[in-house]
Amino acid sequence: MRLCASATNRRTWGEGLHHVLDGRTRRPVAEVVATWSIAADAATADGLATALFVSDPAQLGSFEFAWVRMLADGTVQWSNDFDGELFL
């Protein structure tokens, strides 16, 4: 199993401008600020960590993975099978 993470506070170019873009709006994602994904291989975990910024995790059900995501309002969401401890 491999863990990958992504966050909007990396690779920034100004207020509200970062590297995670929503292809539907062509704007930086604003609602989700960080994601973590655990999957069988690094490539899958990386892709899913990015997908969690723009997709409801339930829409990604064809993949076997565990996840956590932090929203801009400070809310933290995680899958029932996330085998880790969150310190909130």
PDB file of N, CA and C in Angstrom:
ATOM      1  N   MET A   1       0.843  -1.186   0.000  1.00  0.00           N
ATOM      2  CA  MET A   1       0.000   0.000   0.000  1.00  0.00           C
ATOM      3  C   MET A   1       0.883   1.242   0.000  1.00  0.00           C
ATOM      4  N   ARG A   2       0.431   2.269  -0.705  1.00  0.00           N
ATOM      5  CA  ARG A   2       1.184   3.513  -0.833  1.00  0.00           C
ATOM      6  C   ARG A   2       0.297   4.691  -0.433  1.00  0.00           C
ATOM      7  N   LEU A   3       0.903   5.657   0.226  1.00  0.00           N
ATOM      8  CA  LEU A   3       0.216   6.873   0.637  1.00  0.00           C
ATOM      9  C   LEU A   3       0.684   8.040  -0.226  1.00  0.00           C
ATOM     10  N   CYS A   4      -0.257   8.811  -0.751  1.00  0.00           N
ATOM     11  CA  CYS A   4       0.066  10.036  -1.477  1.00  0.00           C
ATOM     12  C   CYS A   4      -0.805  11.156  -0.916  1.00  0.00           C
ATOM     13  N   ALA A   5      -0.276  12.356  -0.975  1.00  0.00           N
ATOM     14  CA  ALA A   5      -0.989  13.527  -0.470  1.00  0.00           C
ATOM     15  C   ALA A   5      -0.861  14.669  -1.460  1.00  0.00           C
ATOM     16  N   SER A   6      -1.797  15.603  -1.371  1.00  0.00           N
ATOM     17  CA  SER A   6      -1.728  16.807  -2.175  1.00  0.00           C
ATOM     18  C   SER A   6      -2.380  17.928  -1.377  1.00  0.00           C
ATOM     19  N   ALA A   7      -1.895  19.138  -1.577  1.00  0.00           N
ATOM     20  CA  ALA A   7      -2.446  20.288  -0.856  1.00  0.00           C
ATOM     21  C   ALA A   7      -2.334  21.545  -1.706  1.00  0.00           C
ATOM     22  N   THR A   8      -3.226  22.470  -1.439  1.00  0.00           N
ATOM     23  CA  THR A   8      -3.253  23.704  -2.216  1.00  0.00           C
ATOM     24  C   THR A   8      -2.243  24.736  -1.718  1.00  0.00           C
ATOM     25  N   ASN A   9      -1.578  24.464  -0.615  1.00  0.00           N
ATOM     26  CA  ASN A   9      -0.574  25.412  -0.116  1.00  0.00           C
ATOM     27  C   ASN A   9       0.812  25.133  -0.699  1.00  0.00           C
ATOM     28  N   ARG A  10       0.899  24.218  -1.630  1.00  0.00           N
ATOM     29  CA  ARG A  10       2.134  23.934  -2.348  1.00  0.00           C
ATOM     30  C   ARG A  10       1.989  24.454  -3.773  1.00  0.00           C
ATOM     31  N   ARG A  11       3.077  24.887  -4.350  1.00  0.00           N
ATOM     32  CA  ARG A  11       3.063  25.407  -5.724  1.00  0.00           C
ATOM     33  C   ARG A  11       1.979  26.459  -5.901  1.00  0.00           C
ATOM     34  N   THR A  12       2.128  27.556  -5.179  1.00  0.00           N
ATOM     35  CA  THR A  12       1.179  28.662  -5.271  1.00  0.00           C
ATOM     36  C   THR A  12       1.796  29.826  -6.039  1.00  0.00           C
ATOM     37  N   TRP A  13       0.921  30.622  -6.638  1.00  0.00           N
ATOM     38  CA  TRP A  13       1.369  31.765  -7.434  1.00  0.00           C
ATOM     39  C   TRP A  13       0.691  33.057  -7.016  1.00  0.00           C
ATOM     40  N   GLY A  14       0.071  33.084  -5.862  1.00  0.00           N
ATOM     41  CA  GLY A  14      -0.631  34.266  -5.383  1.00  0.00           C
ATOM     42  C   GLY A  14      -1.864  33.857  -4.607  1.00  0.00           C
ATOM     43  N   GLU A  15      -2.559  34.801  -4.062  1.00  0.00           N
ATOM     44  CA  GLU A  15      -3.754  34.538  -3.256  1.00  0.00           C
ATOM     45  C   GLU A  15      -4.783  33.739  -4.054  1.00  0.00           C
ATOM     46  N   GLY A  16      -5.079  32.531  -3.577  1.00  0.00           N
ATOM     47  CA  GLY A  16      -6.069  31.685  -4.235  1.00  0.00           C
ATOM     48  C   GLY A  16      -5.607  31.014  -5.513  1.00  0.00           C
ATOM     49  N   LEU A  17      -4.355  31.194  -5.887  1.00  0.00           N
ATOM     50  CA  LEU A  17      -3.840  30.584  -7.117  1.00  0.00           C
ATOM     51  C   LEU A  17      -2.871  29.468  -6.757  1.00  0.00           C
ATOM     52  N   HIS A  18      -3.176  28.269  -7.187  1.00  0.00           N
ATOM     53  CA  HIS A  18      -2.342  27.100  -6.890  1.00  0.00           C
ATOM     54  C   HIS A  18      -2.460  26.093  -8.024  1.00  0.00           C
ATOM     55  N   HIS A  19      -1.774  24.983  -7.865  1.00  0.00           N
ATOM     56  CA  HIS A  19      -1.627  24.019  -8.956  1.00  0.00           C
ATOM     57  C   HIS A  19      -2.784  23.047  -9.153  1.00  0.00           C
ATOM     58  N   VAL A  20      -3.768  22.999  -8.255  1.00  0.00           N
ATOM     59  CA  VAL A  20      -4.880  22.053  -8.400  1.00  0.00           C
ATOM     60  C   VAL A  20      -6.047  22.796  -9.053  1.00  0.00           C
ATOM     61  N   LEU A  21      -6.292  22.467 -10.314  1.00  0.00           N
ATOM     62  CA  LEU A  21      -7.332  23.152 -11.075  1.00  0.00           C
ATOM     63  C   LEU A  21      -8.529  22.245 -11.318  1.00  0.00           C
ATOM     64  N   ASP A  22      -9.705  22.830 -11.319  1.00  0.00           N
ATOM     65  CA  ASP A  22     -10.925  22.118 -11.676  1.00  0.00           C
ATOM     66  C   ASP A  22     -11.119  22.294 -13.175  1.00  0.00           C
ATOM     67  N   GLY A  23     -11.005  21.236 -13.924  1.00  0.00           N
ATOM     68  CA  GLY A  23     -11.119  21.295 -15.375  1.00  0.00           C
ATOM     69  C   GLY A  23     -12.465  21.793 -15.859  1.00  0.00           C
ATOM     70  N   ARG A  24     -13.489  21.669 -15.024  1.00  0.00           N
ATOM     71  CA  ARG A  24     -14.827  22.126 -15.421  1.00  0.00           C
ATOM     72  C   ARG A  24     -14.934  23.643 -15.387  1.00  0.00           C
ATOM     73  N   THR A  25     -14.239  24.260 -14.435  1.00  0.00           N
ATOM     74  CA  THR A  25     -14.326  25.715 -14.273  1.00  0.00           C
ATOM     75  C   THR A  25     -13.065  26.431 -14.751  1.00  0.00           C
ATOM     76  N   ARG A  26     -11.983  25.674 -14.930  1.00  0.00           N
ATOM     77  CA  ARG A  26     -10.667  26.204 -15.278  1.00  0.00           C
ATOM     78  C   ARG A  26     -10.116  27.137 -14.204  1.00  0.00           C
ATOM     79  N   ARG A  27     -10.568  26.962 -12.970  1.00  0.00           N
ATOM     80  CA  ARG A  27     -10.134  27.776 -11.830  1.00  0.00           C
ATOM     81  C   ARG A  27      -9.503  26.872 -10.775  1.00  0.00           C
ATOM     82  N   PRO A  28      -8.669  27.439  -9.921  1.00  0.00           N
ATOM     83  CA  PRO A  28      -8.131  26.656  -8.810  1.00  0.00           C
ATOM     84  C   PRO A  28      -9.263  26.181  -7.885  1.00  0.00           C
ATOM     85  N   VAL A  29      -9.140  24.976  -7.391  1.00  0.00           N
ATOM     86  CA  VAL A  29     -10.120  24.415  -6.466  1.00  0.00           C
ATOM     87  C   VAL A  29     -10.105  25.231  -5.177  1.00  0.00           C
ATOM     88  N   ALA A  30     -11.284  25.532  -4.640  1.00  0.00           N
ATOM     89  CA  ALA A  30     -11.360  26.336  -3.427  1.00  0.00           C
ATOM     90  C   ALA A  30     -11.946  25.577  -2.240  1.00  0.00           C
ATOM     91  N   GLU A  31     -12.805  24.593  -2.473  1.00  0.00           N
ATOM     92  CA  GLU A  31     -13.516  23.924  -1.376  1.00  0.00           C
ATOM     93  C   GLU A  31     -12.635  22.938  -0.619  1.00  0.00           C
ATOM     94  N   VAL A  32     -11.782  22.197  -1.316  1.00  0.00           N
ATOM     95  CA  VAL A  32     -10.910  21.206  -0.696  1.00  0.00           C
ATOM     96  C   VAL A  32      -9.495  21.779  -0.664  1.00  0.00           C
ATOM     97  N   VAL A  33      -8.822  21.662   0.494  1.00  0.00           N
ATOM     98  CA  VAL A  33      -7.480  22.244   0.606  1.00  0.00           C
ATOM     99  C   VAL A  33      -6.372  21.196   0.744  1.00  0.00           C
ATOM    100  N   ALA A  34      -6.721  19.961   1.118  1.00  0.00           N
ATOM    101  CA  ALA A  34      -5.698  18.913   1.242  1.00  0.00           C
ATOM    102  C   ALA A  34      -6.356  17.542   1.145  1.00  0.00           C
ATOM    103  N   THR A  35      -5.616  16.587   0.574  1.00  0.00           N
ATOM    104  CA  THR A  35      -6.120  15.222   0.443  1.00  0.00           C
ATOM    105  C   THR A  35      -5.009  14.216   0.702  1.00  0.00           C
ATOM    106  N   TRP A  36      -5.407  13.035   1.159  1.00  0.00           N
ATOM    107  CA  TRP A  36      -4.497  11.911   1.350  1.00  0.00           C
ATOM    108  C   TRP A  36      -5.205  10.677   0.821  1.00  0.00           C
ATOM    109  N   SER A  37      -4.464   9.815   0.150  1.00  0.00           N
ATOM    110  CA  SER A  37      -5.037   8.605  -0.432  1.00  0.00           C
ATOM    111  C   SER A  37      -4.078   7.442  -0.219  1.00  0.00           C
ATOM    112  N   ILE A  38      -4.624   6.299   0.137  1.00  0.00           N
ATOM    113  CA  ILE A  38      -3.843   5.068   0.282  1.00  0.00           C
ATOM    114  C   ILE A  38      -4.395   4.062  -0.721  1.00  0.00           C
ATOM    115  N   ALA A  39      -3.520   3.569  -1.590  1.00  0.00           N
ATOM    116  CA  ALA A  39      -3.926   2.600  -2.610  1.00  0.00           C
ATOM    117  C   ALA A  39      -2.801   1.590  -2.820  1.00  0.00           C
ATOM    118  N   ALA A  40      -3.043   0.622  -3.655  1.00  0.00           N
ATOM    119  CA  ALA A  40      -2.096  -0.478  -3.858  1.00  0.00           C
ATOM    120  C   ALA A  40      -0.764  -0.011  -4.446  1.00  0.00           C
ATOM    121  N   ASP A  41      -0.791   1.025  -5.290  1.00  0.00           N
ATOM    122  CA  ASP A  41       0.456   1.505  -5.890  1.00  0.00           C
ATOM    123  C   ASP A  41       0.462   3.029  -5.861  1.00  0.00           C
ATOM    124  N   ALA A  42       1.642   3.602  -5.996  1.00  0.00           N
ATOM    125  CA  ALA A  42       1.815   5.046  -5.871  1.00  0.00           C
ATOM    126  C   ALA A  42       1.088   5.827  -6.964  1.00  0.00           C
ATOM    127  N   ALA A  43       1.099   5.326  -8.180  1.00  0.00           N
ATOM    128  CA  ALA A  43       0.443   6.040  -9.276  1.00  0.00           C
ATOM    129  C   ALA A  43      -1.058   6.160  -9.032  1.00  0.00           C
ATOM    130  N   THR A  44      -1.681   5.080  -8.575  1.00  0.00           N
ATOM    131  CA  THR A  44      -3.115   5.109  -8.280  1.00  0.00           C
ATOM    132  C   THR A  44      -3.400   6.026  -7.104  1.00  0.00           C
ATOM    133  N   ALA A  45      -2.608   5.915  -6.047  1.00  0.00           N
ATOM    134  CA  ALA A  45      -2.803   6.769  -4.868  1.00  0.00           C
ATOM    135  C   ALA A  45      -2.648   8.237  -5.239  1.00  0.00           C
ATOM    136  N   ASP A  46      -1.678   8.566  -6.078  1.00  0.00           N
ATOM    137  CA  ASP A  46      -1.457   9.946  -6.500  1.00  0.00           C
ATOM    138  C   ASP A  46      -2.642  10.469  -7.309  1.00  0.00           C
ATOM    139  N   GLY A  47      -3.095   9.686  -8.252  1.00  0.00           N
ATOM    140  CA  GLY A  47      -4.246  10.100  -9.066  1.00  0.00           C
ATOM    141  C   GLY A  47      -5.496  10.290  -8.240  1.00  0.00           C
ATOM    142  N   LEU A  48      -5.721   9.408  -7.283  1.00  0.00           N
ATOM    143  CA  LEU A  48      -6.900   9.515  -6.427  1.00  0.00           C
ATOM    144  C   LEU A  48      -6.804  10.703  -5.480  1.00  0.00           C
ATOM    145  N   ALA A  49      -5.599  10.991  -4.984  1.00  0.00           N
ATOM    146  CA  ALA A  49      -5.429  12.167  -4.125  1.00  0.00           C
ATOM    147  C   ALA A  49      -5.819  13.433  -4.890  1.00  0.00           C
ATOM    148  N   THR A  50      -5.467  13.509  -6.153  1.00  0.00           N
ATOM    149  CA  THR A  50      -5.848  14.658  -6.972  1.00  0.00           C
ATOM    150  C   THR A  50      -7.347  14.633  -7.265  1.00  0.00           C
ATOM    151  N   ALA A  51      -7.890  13.476  -7.595  1.00  0.00           N
ATOM    152  CA  ALA A  51      -9.316  13.364  -7.917  1.00  0.00           C
ATOM    153  C   ALA A  51     -10.199  13.775  -6.747  1.00  0.00           C
ATOM    154  N   LEU A  52      -9.732  13.561  -5.520  1.00  0.00           N
ATOM    155  CA  LEU A  52     -10.524  13.916  -4.340  1.00  0.00           C
ATOM    156  C   LEU A  52     -10.765  15.413  -4.213  1.00  0.00           C
ATOM    157  N   PHE A  53     -10.016  16.232  -4.928  1.00  0.00           N
ATOM    158  CA  PHE A  53     -10.250  17.678  -4.912  1.00  0.00           C
ATOM    159  C   PHE A  53     -11.512  18.059  -5.668  1.00  0.00           C
ATOM    160  N   VAL A  54     -11.868  17.298  -6.679  1.00  0.00           N
ATOM    161  CA  VAL A  54     -12.978  17.691  -7.549  1.00  0.00           C
ATOM    162  C   VAL A  54     -14.099  16.659  -7.611  1.00  0.00           C
ATOM    163  N   SER A  55     -13.938  15.535  -6.938  1.00  0.00           N
ATOM    164  CA  SER A  55     -14.938  14.470  -7.008  1.00  0.00           C
ATOM    165  C   SER A  55     -15.406  14.068  -5.623  1.00  0.00           C
ATOM    166  N   ASP A  56     -16.678  13.753  -5.528  1.00  0.00           N
ATOM    167  CA  ASP A  56     -17.207  13.136  -4.315  1.00  0.00           C
ATOM    168  C   ASP A  56     -16.543  11.771  -4.208  1.00  0.00           C
ATOM    169  N   PRO A  57     -16.007  11.407  -3.055  1.00  0.00           N
ATOM    170  CA  PRO A  57     -15.335  10.101  -2.935  1.00  0.00           C
ATOM    171  C   PRO A  57     -16.209   8.922  -3.366  1.00  0.00           C
ATOM    172  N   ALA A  58     -17.514   9.031  -3.191  1.00  0.00           N
ATOM    173  CA  ALA A  58     -18.420   7.951  -3.605  1.00  0.00           C
ATOM    174  C   ALA A  58     -18.364   7.730  -5.121  1.00  0.00           C
ATOM    175  N   GLN A  59     -18.033   8.763  -5.888  1.00  0.00           N
ATOM    176  CA  GLN A  59     -17.933   8.635  -7.341  1.00  0.00           C
ATOM    177  C   GLN A  59     -16.694   7.855  -7.760  1.00  0.00           C
ATOM    178  N   LEU A  60     -15.770   7.656  -6.831  1.00  0.00           N
ATOM    179  CA  LEU A  60     -14.518   6.958  -7.133  1.00  0.00           C
ATOM    180  C   LEU A  60     -14.557   5.511  -6.651  1.00  0.00           C
ATOM    181  N   GLY A  61     -15.740   4.987  -6.466  1.00  0.00           N
ATOM    182  CA  GLY A  61     -15.941   3.660  -5.903  1.00  0.00           C
ATOM    183  C   GLY A  61     -15.398   2.503  -6.713  1.00  0.00           C
ATOM    184  N   SER A  62     -15.037   2.728  -7.960  1.00  0.00           N
ATOM    185  CA  SER A  62     -14.477   1.630  -8.752  1.00  0.00           C
ATOM    186  C   SER A  62     -13.027   1.338  -8.371  1.00  0.00           C
ATOM    187  N   PHE A  63     -12.437   2.213  -7.531  1.00  0.00           N
ATOM    188  CA  PHE A  63     -11.072   2.014  -7.047  1.00  0.00           C
ATOM    189  C   PHE A  63     -11.110   1.518  -5.603  1.00  0.00           C
ATOM    190  N   GLU A  64     -10.134   0.693  -5.257  1.00  0.00           N
ATOM    191  CA  GLU A  64     -10.003   0.233  -3.878  1.00  0.00           C
ATOM    192  C   GLU A  64      -8.964   1.126  -3.206  1.00  0.00           C
ATOM    193  N   PHE A  65      -9.434   2.012  -2.319  1.00  0.00           N
ATOM    194  CA  PHE A  65      -8.522   2.942  -1.657  1.00  0.00           C
ATOM    195  C   PHE A  65      -9.160   3.507  -0.394  1.00  0.00           C
ATOM    196  N   ALA A  66      -8.325   4.016   0.484  1.00  0.00           N
ATOM    197  CA  ALA A  66      -8.768   4.728   1.677  1.00  0.00           C
ATOM    198  C   ALA A  66      -8.367   6.186   1.496  1.00  0.00           C
ATOM    199  N   TRP A  67      -9.064   7.100   2.161  1.00  0.00           N
ATOM    200  CA  TRP A  67      -8.818   8.513   1.895  1.00  0.00           C
ATOM    201  C   TRP A  67      -9.157   9.398   3.083  1.00  0.00           C
ATOM    202  N   VAL A  68      -8.568  10.581   3.048  1.00  0.00           N
ATOM    203  CA  VAL A  68      -8.890  11.681   3.967  1.00  0.00           C
ATOM    204  C   VAL A  68      -8.855  12.948   3.130  1.00  0.00           C
ATOM    205  N   ARG A  69      -9.762  13.870   3.429  1.00  0.00           N
ATOM    206  CA  ARG A  69      -9.654  15.176   2.797  1.00  0.00           C
ATOM    207  C   ARG A  69     -10.086  16.266   3.772  1.00  0.00           C
ATOM    208  N   MET A  70      -9.392  17.396   3.670  1.00  0.00           N
ATOM    209  CA  MET A  70      -9.677  18.546   4.518  1.00  0.00           C
ATOM    210  C   MET A  70     -10.294  19.634   3.645  1.00  0.00           C
ATOM    211  N   LEU A  71     -11.417  20.157   4.128  1.00  0.00           N
ATOM    212  CA  LEU A  71     -12.115  21.202   3.393  1.00  0.00           C
ATOM    213  C   LEU A  71     -11.677  22.578   3.881  1.00  0.00           C
ATOM    214  N   ALA A  72     -11.944  23.584   3.088  1.00  0.00           N
ATOM    215  CA  ALA A  72     -11.528  24.949   3.397  1.00  0.00           C
ATOM    216  C   ALA A  72     -12.139  25.465   4.696  1.00  0.00           C
ATOM    217  N   ASP A  73     -13.304  24.949   5.079  1.00  0.00           N
ATOM    218  CA  ASP A  73     -13.934  25.402   6.323  1.00  0.00           C
ATOM    219  C   ASP A  73     -13.399  24.689   7.558  1.00  0.00           C
ATOM    220  N   GLY A  74     -12.380  23.833   7.376  1.00  0.00           N
ATOM    221  CA  GLY A  74     -11.771  23.114   8.494  1.00  0.00           C
ATOM    222  C   GLY A  74     -12.360  21.736   8.752  1.00  0.00           C
ATOM    223  N   THR A  75     -13.413  21.394   8.041  1.00  0.00           N
ATOM    224  CA  THR A  75     -14.014  20.069   8.161  1.00  0.00           C
ATOM    225  C   THR A  75     -13.059  19.021   7.608  1.00  0.00           C
ATOM    226  N   VAL A  76     -12.992  17.878   8.289  1.00  0.00           N
ATOM    227  CA  VAL A  76     -12.187  16.767   7.802  1.00  0.00           C
ATOM    228  C   VAL A  76     -13.113  15.593   7.529  1.00  0.00           C
ATOM    229  N   GLN A  77     -12.983  14.995   6.358  1.00  0.00           N
ATOM    230  CA  GLN A  77     -13.762  13.826   5.966  1.00  0.00           C
ATOM    231  C   GLN A  77     -12.802  12.673   5.739  1.00  0.00           C
ATOM    232  N   TRP A  78     -13.240  11.431   6.030  1.00  0.00           N
ATOM    233  CA  TRP A  78     -12.394  10.282   5.784  1.00  0.00           C
ATOM    234  C   TRP A  78     -13.241   9.048   5.544  1.00  0.00           C
ATOM    235  N   SER A  79     -12.644   8.082   4.864  1.00  0.00           N
ATOM    236  CA  SER A  79     -13.338   6.824   4.578  1.00  0.00           C
ATOM    237  C   SER A  79     -13.330   5.943   5.824  1.00  0.00           C
ATOM    238  N   ASN A  80     -14.327   5.085   5.909  1.00  0.00           N
ATOM    239  CA  ASN A  80     -14.436   4.183   7.059  1.00  0.00           C
ATOM    240  C   ASN A  80     -13.257   3.231   7.160  1.00  0.00           C
ATOM    241  N   ASP A  81     -12.612   2.941   6.035  1.00  0.00           N
ATOM    242  CA  ASP A  81     -11.497   1.989   6.047  1.00  0.00           C
ATOM    243  C   ASP A  81     -10.139   2.661   6.144  1.00  0.00           C
ATOM    244  N   PHE A  82     -10.103   3.968   6.467  1.00  0.00           N
ATOM    245  CA  PHE A  82      -8.827   4.642   6.626  1.00  0.00           C
ATOM    246  C   PHE A  82      -8.152   4.111   7.886  1.00  0.00           C
ATOM    247  N   ASP A  83      -7.024   3.441   7.705  1.00  0.00           N
ATOM    248  CA  ASP A  83      -6.314   2.788   8.812  1.00  0.00           C
ATOM    249  C   ASP A  83      -5.256   3.742   9.358  1.00  0.00           C
ATOM    250  N   GLY A  84      -5.718   4.778   9.999  1.00  0.00           N
ATOM    251  CA  GLY A  84      -4.811   5.767  10.571  1.00  0.00           C
ATOM    252  C   GLY A  84      -5.519   6.501  11.680  1.00  0.00           C
ATOM    253  N   GLU A  85      -4.803   7.310  12.382  1.00  0.00           N
ATOM    254  CA  GLU A  85      -5.369   8.080  13.470  1.00  0.00           C
ATOM    255  C   GLU A  85      -5.295   9.558  13.106  1.00  0.00           C
ATOM    256  N   LEU A  86      -6.426  10.226  13.208  1.00  0.00           N
ATOM    257  CA  LEU A  86      -6.488  11.643  12.915  1.00  0.00           C
ATOM    258  C   LEU A  86      -6.495  12.423  14.226  1.00  0.00           C
ATOM    259  N   PHE A  87      -5.689  13.444  14.304  1.00  0.00           N
ATOM    260  CA  PHE A  87      -5.639  14.316  15.461  1.00  0.00           C
ATOM    261  C   PHE A  87      -6.295  15.631  15.070  1.00  0.00           C
ATOM    262  N   LEU A  88      -7.554  15.761  15.413  1.00  0.00           N
ATOM    263  CA  LEU A  88      -8.321  16.924  14.971  1.00  0.00           C
ATOM    264  C   LEU A  88      -8.429  17.969  16.064  1.00  0.00           C
TER     265      LEU A  88
END
